[in-house]
Amino acid sequence: METTNILVLCTGNSCRSQIAEGYLRHFAGNKAVIYSAGIETHGVNPKAVSIMKEDGIDISNHTSNHIDEYRDIDFKFVITVCDHARESCPFFPTNAQMFHHNFPDPAKAVGSDAEIEAEFREVRDMVKEYCREFVGEYL
């Protein structure tokens, strides 16, 4: 059986794409191999790690990867999770089905620690729902 490879693409591969990778892995189980990358690499955001841990998903061993690292992988689906990645995505030769959903960037949240955490939770929950529906519909 052919492997279903899914790439989640974001600007810095630090928050949204990492959260999506975590949830897609969770919901897809062994139905797909999930990758995430950025058009830049900013490292995995520690708040993204802690906010996912609250929901029982461990992304602490994820790495921040650059899209060029995955040029040789045959992706069935590519999901961009921010407008910037979609607009400035370098030409990526692929026959993959492309999907796009612009999630707010929780790393840009301002305010008290509690307000910033609330923004991370809100984005996490949006990404979770999107991933659950995506897996239900396409896998």
C-alpha atoms as a PDB file:
ATOM      1  CA  MET A   1       0.000   0.000   0.000  1.00  0.00           C
ATOM      2  CA  GLU A   2       1.291   3.413  -0.963  1.00  0.00           C
ATOM      3  CA  THR A   3       2.206   5.722   1.903  1.00  0.00           C
ATOM      4  CA  THR A   4       0.151   8.882   2.237  1.00  0.00           C
ATOM      5  CA  ASN A   5       2.587  11.718   2.964  1.00  0.00           C
ATOM      6  CA  ILE A   6       1.211  15.010   4.256  1.00  0.00           C
ATOM      7  CA  LEU A   7       3.208  18.240   4.553  1.00  0.00           C
ATOM      8  CA  VAL A   8       2.055  21.126   6.741  1.00  0.00           C
ATOM      9  CA  LEU A   9       3.697  24.359   5.680  1.00  0.00           C
ATOM     10  CA  CYS A  10       4.024  27.593   7.639  1.00  0.00           C
ATOM     11  CA  THR A  11       6.337  30.591   7.693  1.00  0.00           C
ATOM     12  CA  GLY A  12       8.674  29.605  10.517  1.00  0.00           C
ATOM     13  CA  ASN A  13       7.647  26.030  11.413  1.00  0.00           C
ATOM     14  CA  SER A  14       7.477  27.019  15.080  1.00  0.00           C
ATOM     15  CA  CYS A  15       3.784  27.152  16.139  1.00  0.00           C
ATOM     16  CA  ARG A  16       0.871  26.529  13.801  1.00  0.00           C
ATOM     17  CA  SER A  17       2.483  23.910  11.575  1.00  0.00           C
ATOM     18  CA  GLN A  18       3.920  22.143  14.636  1.00  0.00           C
ATOM     19  CA  ILE A  19       0.503  22.038  16.312  1.00  0.00           C
ATOM     20  CA  ALA A  20      -1.064  20.773  13.069  1.00  0.00           C
ATOM     21  CA  GLU A  21       1.627  18.107  12.693  1.00  0.00           C
ATOM     22  CA  GLY A  22       0.902  16.925  16.236  1.00  0.00           C
ATOM     23  CA  TYR A  23      -2.855  16.701  15.694  1.00  0.00           C
ATOM     24  CA  LEU A  24      -2.630  15.181  12.215  1.00  0.00           C
ATOM     25  CA  ARG A  25      -0.360  12.448  13.610  1.00  0.00           C
ATOM     26  CA  HIS A  26      -2.815  11.930  16.471  1.00  0.00           C
ATOM     27  CA  PHE A  27      -5.932  11.690  14.292  1.00  0.00           C
ATOM     28  CA  ALA A  28      -4.359   9.911  11.299  1.00  0.00           C
ATOM     29  CA  GLY A  29      -2.608   7.230  13.331  1.00  0.00           C
ATOM     30  CA  ASN A  30      -0.942   4.877  10.862  1.00  0.00           C
ATOM     31  CA  LYS A  31      -2.972   6.130   7.862  1.00  0.00           C
ATOM     32  CA  ALA A  32      -0.409   8.800   6.925  1.00  0.00           C
ATOM     33  CA  VAL A  33       3.101  10.080   7.516  1.00  0.00           C
ATOM     34  CA  ILE A  34       3.023  13.702   8.640  1.00  0.00           C
ATOM     35  CA  TYR A  35       5.754  16.284   8.067  1.00  0.00           C
ATOM     36  CA  SER A  36       5.881  19.986   8.817  1.00  0.00           C
ATOM     37  CA  ALA A  37       8.200  22.632   7.469  1.00  0.00           C
ATOM     38  CA  GLY A  38       8.660  26.350   7.081  1.00  0.00           C
ATOM     39  CA  ILE A  39       9.967  28.646   4.423  1.00  0.00           C
ATOM     40  CA  GLU A  40      12.246  29.735   7.291  1.00  0.00           C
ATOM     41  CA  THR A  41      13.050  27.884  10.530  1.00  0.00           C
ATOM     42  CA  HIS A  42      12.413  29.619  13.837  1.00  0.00           C
ATOM     43  CA  GLY A  43      12.701  26.647  16.207  1.00  0.00           C
ATOM     44  CA  VAL A  44       9.741  25.021  17.948  1.00  0.00           C
ATOM     45  CA  ASN A  45       7.936  27.543  20.163  1.00  0.00           C
ATOM     46  CA  PRO A  46       8.016  26.390  23.840  1.00  0.00           C
ATOM     47  CA  LYS A  47       4.481  27.751  24.362  1.00  0.00           C
ATOM     48  CA  ALA A  48       3.249  25.553  21.500  1.00  0.00           C
ATOM     49  CA  VAL A  49       4.865  22.561  23.233  1.00  0.00           C
ATOM     50  CA  SER A  50       3.248  23.336  26.611  1.00  0.00           C
ATOM     51  CA  ILE A  51      -0.178  24.137  25.166  1.00  0.00           C
ATOM     52  CA  MET A  52      -0.184  20.819  23.257  1.00  0.00           C
ATOM     53  CA  LYS A  53       0.918  18.928  26.374  1.00  0.00           C
ATOM     54  CA  GLU A  54      -2.246  20.264  28.105  1.00  0.00           C
ATOM     55  CA  ASP A  55      -4.224  18.354  25.474  1.00  0.00           C
ATOM     56  CA  GLY A  56      -2.152  15.187  25.827  1.00  0.00           C
ATOM     57  CA  ILE A  57      -0.082  15.612  22.641  1.00  0.00           C
ATOM     58  CA  ASP A  58       3.706  15.626  22.985  1.00  0.00           C
ATOM     59  CA  ILE A  59       5.505  17.668  20.335  1.00  0.00           C
ATOM     60  CA  SER A  60       8.585  18.323  22.491  1.00  0.00           C
ATOM     61  CA  ASN A  61      10.775  16.197  20.204  1.00  0.00           C
ATOM     62  CA  HIS A  62       9.658  17.969  17.011  1.00  0.00           C
ATOM     63  CA  THR A  63      12.261  19.899  15.045  1.00  0.00           C
ATOM     64  CA  SER A  64      11.877  23.043  12.978  1.00  0.00           C
ATOM     65  CA  ASN A  65      12.484  21.995   9.370  1.00  0.00           C
ATOM     66  CA  HIS A  66      13.011  23.883   6.126  1.00  0.00           C
ATOM     67  CA  ILE A  67      10.884  22.993   3.104  1.00  0.00           C
ATOM     68  CA  ASP A  68      14.026  22.216   1.069  1.00  0.00           C
ATOM     69  CA  GLU A  69      14.671  19.183   3.286  1.00  0.00           C
ATOM     70  CA  TYR A  70      11.581  17.499   1.839  1.00  0.00           C
ATOM     71  CA  ARG A  71      12.026  18.107  -1.897  1.00  0.00           C
ATOM     72  CA  ASP A  72      12.396  14.395  -2.637  1.00  0.00           C
ATOM     73  CA  ILE A  73       9.273  13.246  -0.804  1.00  0.00           C
ATOM     74  CA  ASP A  74       6.148  12.533  -2.802  1.00  0.00           C
ATOM     75  CA  PHE A  75       3.385  14.349  -0.888  1.00  0.00           C
ATOM     76  CA  LYS A  76      -0.264  13.525  -1.445  1.00  0.00           C
ATOM     77  CA  PHE A  77      -1.421  16.616   0.476  1.00  0.00           C
ATOM     78  CA  VAL A  78       0.223  19.953   1.262  1.00  0.00           C
ATOM     79  CA  ILE A  79      -1.565  22.171   3.784  1.00  0.00           C
ATOM     80  CA  THR A  80      -0.464  25.789   4.220  1.00  0.00           C
ATOM     81  CA  VAL A  81      -1.538  27.190   7.584  1.00  0.00           C
ATOM     82  CA  CYS A  82      -0.750  30.858   7.026  1.00  0.00           C
ATOM     83  CA  ASP A  83      -1.227  33.284   4.148  1.00  0.00           C
ATOM     84  CA  HIS A  84       2.457  34.231   4.185  1.00  0.00           C
ATOM     85  CA  ALA A  85       3.538  30.632   3.517  1.00  0.00           C
ATOM     86  CA  ARG A  86       1.029  30.292   0.707  1.00  0.00           C
ATOM     87  CA  GLU A  87       2.076  33.561  -0.918  1.00  0.00           C
ATOM     88  CA  SER A  88       5.826  33.153  -0.532  1.00  0.00           C
ATOM     89  CA  CYS A  89       6.106  29.407  -0.810  1.00  0.00           C
ATOM     90  CA  PRO A  90       9.012  28.755  -3.139  1.00  0.00           C
ATOM     91  CA  PHE A  91       8.053  26.747  -6.188  1.00  0.00           C
ATOM     92  CA  PHE A  92       7.564  23.285  -4.797  1.00  0.00           C
ATOM     93  CA  PRO A  93       7.304  20.747  -7.605  1.00  0.00           C
ATOM     94  CA  THR A  94       4.543  18.456  -6.458  1.00  0.00           C
ATOM     95  CA  ASN A  95       1.400  16.754  -7.654  1.00  0.00           C
ATOM     96  CA  ALA A  96       0.018  17.083  -4.151  1.00  0.00           C
ATOM     97  CA  GLN A  97      -3.460  18.329  -3.519  1.00  0.00           C
ATOM     98  CA  MET A  98      -3.061  21.785  -1.973  1.00  0.00           C
ATOM     99  CA  PHE A  99      -5.113  23.014   0.973  1.00  0.00           C
ATOM    100  CA  HIS A 100      -4.994  26.337   2.745  1.00  0.00           C
ATOM    101  CA  HIS A 101      -6.329  27.615   6.043  1.00  0.00           C
ATOM    102  CA  ASN A 102      -5.010  30.851   7.514  1.00  0.00           C
ATOM    103  CA  PHE A 103      -4.774  30.436  11.289  1.00  0.00           C
ATOM    104  CA  PRO A 104      -3.856  33.457  13.437  1.00  0.00           C
ATOM    105  CA  ASP A 105      -0.223  33.386  14.617  1.00  0.00           C
ATOM    106  CA  PRO A 106      -0.254  32.871  18.403  1.00  0.00           C
ATOM    107  CA  ALA A 107       3.424  33.885  18.562  1.00  0.00           C
ATOM    108  CA  LYS A 108       2.286  37.418  17.697  1.00  0.00           C
ATOM    109  CA  ALA A 109      -0.111  37.547  20.659  1.00  0.00           C
ATOM    110  CA  VAL A 110       0.445  40.405  23.088  1.00  0.00           C
ATOM    111  CA  GLY A 111      -0.686  41.040  26.641  1.00  0.00           C
ATOM    112  CA  SER A 112      -0.237  39.246  29.939  1.00  0.00           C
ATOM    113  CA  ASP A 113       1.039  35.671  30.097  1.00  0.00           C
ATOM    114  CA  ALA A 114      -2.547  34.539  30.664  1.00  0.00           C
ATOM    115  CA  GLU A 115      -3.792  36.449  27.595  1.00  0.00           C
ATOM    116  CA  ILE A 116      -1.000  35.057  25.422  1.00  0.00           C
ATOM    117  CA  GLU A 117      -1.704  31.515  26.665  1.00  0.00           C
ATOM    118  CA  ALA A 118      -5.401  32.022  25.923  1.00  0.00           C
ATOM    119  CA  GLU A 119      -4.506  32.982  22.327  1.00  0.00           C
ATOM    120  CA  PHE A 120      -2.335  29.870  21.987  1.00  0.00           C
ATOM    121  CA  ARG A 121      -5.212  27.718  23.298  1.00  0.00           C
ATOM    122  CA  GLU A 122      -7.684  29.335  20.909  1.00  0.00           C
ATOM    123  CA  VAL A 123      -5.434  28.717  17.890  1.00  0.00           C
ATOM    124  CA  ARG A 124      -4.660  25.181  19.119  1.00  0.00           C
ATOM    125  CA  ASP A 125      -8.364  24.387  19.300  1.00  0.00           C
ATOM    126  CA  MET A 126      -8.980  25.786  15.783  1.00  0.00           C
ATOM    127  CA  VAL A 127      -6.104  23.736  14.385  1.00  0.00           C
ATOM    128  CA  LYS A 128      -7.324  20.632  16.244  1.00  0.00           C
ATOM    129  CA  GLU A 129     -10.795  20.914  14.735  1.00  0.00           C
ATOM    130  CA  TYR A 130      -9.376  21.515  11.255  1.00  0.00           C
ATOM    131  CA  CYS A 131      -7.094  18.461  11.550  1.00  0.00           C
ATOM    132  CA  ARG A 132      -9.894  16.248  12.877  1.00  0.00           C
ATOM    133  CA  GLU A 133     -12.117  17.230   9.917  1.00  0.00           C
ATOM    134  CA  PHE A 134      -9.254  16.899   7.409  1.00  0.00           C
ATOM    135  CA  VAL A 135      -8.422  13.352   8.521  1.00  0.00           C
ATOM    136  CA  GLY A 136     -12.115  12.426   8.580  1.00  0.00           C
ATOM    137  CA  GLU A 137     -12.628  13.669   5.052  1.00  0.00           C
ATOM    138  CA  TYR A 138      -9.392  12.751   3.239  1.00  0.00           C
ATOM    139  CA  LEU A 139      -7.987   9.734   5.059  1.00  0.00           C
END
